[in-house]
Amino acid sequence: QEQLVESGGGLVQAGGSLRLSCAASGRTFSDYAMGWFRQAPGKEREFVAAVSGSGSSTYYGDSVKGRFTISRANAKNTVYLQMNSLKPEDAAVYYCVAGGRGSYYDTSRWSSWGQGTQVTVSS
């Protein structure tokens, strides 16, 4: 399994931007997909975005399409989530995920999870 460490969460006003980072260690970074999920209080974990090992393919949840961008820097073993036009409903703990097999949209697919980073959006 990969070890994942997220950073970049914090408090931002609605309409603002944040960039989350996730540093990975373990296997060769480009060998596996990476992604982000989020979980707000009282809600299920929600798929946010994923990127293939090469970085050539990206996938987004419907609620963030057009506002969030996932990317990866394989030379730095890091994946990023650029979040623009943030809304109060984007507030959640954001989890970096890696590895596994199956649908990117399913929580059960991912073999490694980070500890999470809090994003708070004020209205």
C-alpha atoms as a PDB file:
ATOM      1  CA  GLN A   1       0.000   0.000   0.000  1.00  0.00           C
ATOM      2  CA  GLU A   2       0.968   3.607  -0.501  1.00  0.00           C
ATOM      3  CA  GLN A   3       1.439   6.139   2.265  1.00  0.00           C
ATOM      4  CA  LEU A   4      -0.427   9.363   1.592  1.00  0.00           C
ATOM      5  CA  VAL A   5      -0.109  12.767   3.245  1.00  0.00           C
ATOM      6  CA  GLU A   6      -2.536  15.565   2.349  1.00  0.00           C
ATOM      7  CA  SER A   7      -1.995  19.285   2.821  1.00  0.00           C
ATOM      8  CA  GLY A   8      -3.516  22.566   1.750  1.00  0.00           C
ATOM      9  CA  GLY A   9      -6.863  22.540   3.472  1.00  0.00           C
ATOM     10  CA  GLY A  10      -8.174  25.556   5.336  1.00  0.00           C
ATOM     11  CA  LEU A  11     -10.791  28.273   5.505  1.00  0.00           C
ATOM     12  CA  VAL A  12     -11.823  30.161   2.396  1.00  0.00           C
ATOM     13  CA  GLN A  13     -14.681  32.450   1.470  1.00  0.00           C
ATOM     14  CA  ALA A  14     -17.306  31.344  -0.998  1.00  0.00           C
ATOM     15  CA  GLY A  15     -16.078  32.016  -4.513  1.00  0.00           C
ATOM     16  CA  GLY A  16     -12.464  31.577  -3.491  1.00  0.00           C
ATOM     17  CA  SER A  17      -9.880  28.954  -4.349  1.00  0.00           C
ATOM     18  CA  LEU A  18      -7.735  26.377  -2.606  1.00  0.00           C
ATOM     19  CA  ARG A  19      -5.224  23.847  -3.815  1.00  0.00           C
ATOM     20  CA  LEU A  20      -4.865  20.529  -2.042  1.00  0.00           C
ATOM     21  CA  SER A  21      -1.740  18.426  -2.345  1.00  0.00           C
ATOM     22  CA  CYS A  22      -1.135  14.771  -1.599  1.00  0.00           C
ATOM     23  CA  ALA A  23       2.350  13.340  -1.371  1.00  0.00           C
ATOM     24  CA  ALA A  24       2.667   9.597  -1.885  1.00  0.00           C
ATOM     25  CA  SER A  25       5.374   7.110  -1.011  1.00  0.00           C
ATOM     26  CA  GLY A  26       5.694   3.401  -1.608  1.00  0.00           C
ATOM     27  CA  ARG A  27       5.404   1.904  -5.075  1.00  0.00           C
ATOM     28  CA  THR A  28       6.425   3.627  -8.285  1.00  0.00           C
ATOM     29  CA  PHE A  29       4.076   6.620  -8.375  1.00  0.00           C
ATOM     30  CA  SER A  30       3.128   6.456 -12.042  1.00  0.00           C
ATOM     31  CA  ASP A  31       2.022   2.816 -11.690  1.00  0.00           C
ATOM     32  CA  TYR A  32      -1.272   3.652 -10.026  1.00  0.00           C
ATOM     33  CA  ALA A  33      -4.231   5.985 -10.204  1.00  0.00           C
ATOM     34  CA  MET A  34      -4.830   8.679  -7.624  1.00  0.00           C
ATOM     35  CA  GLY A  35      -7.978  10.446  -6.543  1.00  0.00           C
ATOM     36  CA  TRP A  36      -9.895  12.526  -4.027  1.00  0.00           C
ATOM     37  CA  PHE A  37     -13.024  11.858  -2.027  1.00  0.00           C
ATOM     38  CA  ARG A  38     -14.751  14.108   0.464  1.00  0.00           C
ATOM     39  CA  GLN A  39     -17.062  13.655   3.396  1.00  0.00           C
ATOM     40  CA  ALA A  40     -19.220  16.290   5.039  1.00  0.00           C
ATOM     41  CA  PRO A  41     -20.748  15.780   8.489  1.00  0.00           C
ATOM     42  CA  GLY A  42     -23.698  13.405   8.362  1.00  0.00           C
ATOM     43  CA  LYS A  43     -23.114  12.524   4.703  1.00  0.00           C
ATOM     44  CA  GLU A  44     -21.557   9.615   2.860  1.00  0.00           C
ATOM     45  CA  ARG A  45     -18.136   9.871   1.279  1.00  0.00           C
ATOM     46  CA  GLU A  46     -18.434  11.391  -2.162  1.00  0.00           C
ATOM     47  CA  PHE A  47     -16.208  10.896  -5.190  1.00  0.00           C
ATOM     48  CA  VAL A  48     -14.540  14.149  -6.217  1.00  0.00           C
ATOM     49  CA  ALA A  49     -11.925  13.392  -8.858  1.00  0.00           C
ATOM     50  CA  ALA A  50      -9.421  10.828 -10.104  1.00  0.00           C
ATOM     51  CA  VAL A  51      -6.457  10.744 -12.453  1.00  0.00           C
ATOM     52  CA  SER A  52      -4.815   7.825 -14.192  1.00  0.00           C
ATOM     53  CA  GLY A  53      -1.229   6.835 -13.498  1.00  0.00           C
ATOM     54  CA  SER A  54       0.093   8.625 -16.550  1.00  0.00           C
ATOM     55  CA  GLY A  55      -2.048  11.676 -15.879  1.00  0.00           C
ATOM     56  CA  SER A  56      -3.630  11.472 -19.325  1.00  0.00           C
ATOM     57  CA  SER A  57      -7.148  10.671 -18.091  1.00  0.00           C
ATOM     58  CA  THR A  58      -9.153  12.518 -15.480  1.00  0.00           C
ATOM     59  CA  TYR A  59     -12.583  11.946 -13.979  1.00  0.00           C
ATOM     60  CA  TYR A  60     -14.833  14.201 -11.920  1.00  0.00           C
ATOM     61  CA  GLY A  61     -17.917  14.013  -9.796  1.00  0.00           C
ATOM     62  CA  ASP A  62     -20.872  15.920 -11.212  1.00  0.00           C
ATOM     63  CA  SER A  63     -20.908  18.442  -8.367  1.00  0.00           C
ATOM     64  CA  VAL A  64     -17.363  19.667  -9.058  1.00  0.00           C
ATOM     65  CA  LYS A  65     -17.096  19.475 -12.847  1.00  0.00           C
ATOM     66  CA  GLY A  66     -15.892  22.726 -14.323  1.00  0.00           C
ATOM     67  CA  ARG A  67     -14.701  24.052 -10.966  1.00  0.00           C
ATOM     68  CA  PHE A  68     -12.120  21.533  -9.737  1.00  0.00           C
ATOM     69  CA  THR A  69      -9.059  20.232 -11.561  1.00  0.00           C
ATOM     70  CA  ILE A  70      -7.011  17.188 -10.622  1.00  0.00           C
ATOM     71  CA  SER A  71      -3.438  16.843 -11.791  1.00  0.00           C
ATOM     72  CA  ARG A  72      -0.333  14.945 -10.857  1.00  0.00           C
ATOM     73  CA  ALA A  73       3.397  15.567 -10.924  1.00  0.00           C
ATOM     74  CA  ASN A  74       4.935  12.136 -11.197  1.00  0.00           C
ATOM     75  CA  ALA A  75       8.446  13.476 -10.711  1.00  0.00           C
ATOM     76  CA  LYS A  76       7.331  14.797  -7.318  1.00  0.00           C
ATOM     77  CA  ASN A  77       5.117  11.846  -6.324  1.00  0.00           C
ATOM     78  CA  THR A  78       2.339  14.350  -5.749  1.00  0.00           C
ATOM     79  CA  VAL A  79      -1.263  14.773  -6.841  1.00  0.00           C
ATOM     80  CA  TYR A  80      -3.081  18.095  -6.679  1.00  0.00           C
ATOM     81  CA  LEU A  81      -6.678  19.217  -6.506  1.00  0.00           C
ATOM     82  CA  GLN A  82      -7.224  22.801  -7.622  1.00  0.00           C
ATOM     83  CA  MET A  83     -10.566  23.988  -6.303  1.00  0.00           C
ATOM     84  CA  ASN A  84     -12.044  27.161  -7.755  1.00  0.00           C
ATOM     85  CA  SER A  85     -15.377  28.914  -7.263  1.00  0.00           C
ATOM     86  CA  LEU A  86     -15.815  27.196  -3.928  1.00  0.00           C
ATOM     87  CA  LYS A  87     -19.289  26.936  -2.457  1.00  0.00           C
ATOM     88  CA  PRO A  88     -20.384  26.351   1.140  1.00  0.00           C
ATOM     89  CA  GLU A  89     -21.516  22.868   0.094  1.00  0.00           C
ATOM     90  CA  ASP A  90     -17.909  22.021  -0.828  1.00  0.00           C
ATOM     91  CA  ALA A  91     -16.973  22.132   2.858  1.00  0.00           C
ATOM     92  CA  ALA A  92     -15.843  18.681   3.957  1.00  0.00           C
ATOM     93  CA  VAL A  93     -12.887  16.575   4.931  1.00  0.00           C
ATOM     94  CA  TYR A  94     -11.035  15.764   1.722  1.00  0.00           C
ATOM     95  CA  TYR A  95      -9.271  12.415   1.437  1.00  0.00           C
ATOM     96  CA  CYS A  96      -6.521  11.484  -0.974  1.00  0.00           C
ATOM     97  CA  VAL A  97      -6.759   7.933  -2.323  1.00  0.00           C
ATOM     98  CA  ALA A  98      -4.494   5.682  -4.343  1.00  0.00           C
ATOM     99  CA  GLY A  99      -4.146   2.306  -5.971  1.00  0.00           C
ATOM    100  CA  GLY A 100      -6.646  -0.545  -6.164  1.00  0.00           C
ATOM    101  CA  ARG A 101      -8.804  -1.814  -9.002  1.00  0.00           C
ATOM    102  CA  GLY A 102     -12.276  -1.157 -10.278  1.00  0.00           C
ATOM    103  CA  SER A 103     -14.444   1.895 -10.691  1.00  0.00           C
ATOM    104  CA  TYR A 104     -12.855   5.153  -9.646  1.00  0.00           C
ATOM    105  CA  TYR A 105     -16.220   6.250  -8.266  1.00  0.00           C
ATOM    106  CA  ASP A 106     -16.440   3.509  -5.635  1.00  0.00           C
ATOM    107  CA  THR A 107     -14.804   3.890  -2.225  1.00  0.00           C
ATOM    108  CA  SER A 108     -14.104   0.144  -2.182  1.00  0.00           C
ATOM    109  CA  ARG A 109     -11.834   0.447  -5.215  1.00  0.00           C
ATOM    110  CA  TRP A 110      -9.109   2.354  -3.464  1.00  0.00           C
ATOM    111  CA  SER A 111      -6.465   0.508  -1.446  1.00  0.00           C
ATOM    112  CA  SER A 112      -4.837   3.473   0.297  1.00  0.00           C
ATOM    113  CA  TRP A 113      -6.369   6.484   2.023  1.00  0.00           C
ATOM    114  CA  GLY A 114      -4.813   9.581   3.525  1.00  0.00           C
ATOM    115  CA  GLN A 115      -5.762  10.989   6.908  1.00  0.00           C
ATOM    116  CA  GLY A 116      -7.851  13.772   5.418  1.00  0.00           C
ATOM    117  CA  THR A 117      -7.639  17.548   5.325  1.00  0.00           C
ATOM    118  CA  GLN A 118     -10.440  19.911   6.324  1.00  0.00           C
ATOM    119  CA  VAL A 119     -11.840  22.428   3.876  1.00  0.00           C
ATOM    120  CA  THR A 120     -14.183  25.068   5.283  1.00  0.00           C
ATOM    121  CA  VAL A 121     -16.054  27.493   3.048  1.00  0.00           C
ATOM    122  CA  SER A 122     -17.682  30.534   4.602  1.00  0.00           C
ATOM    123  CA  SER A 123     -20.704  32.138   2.986  1.00  0.00           C
END
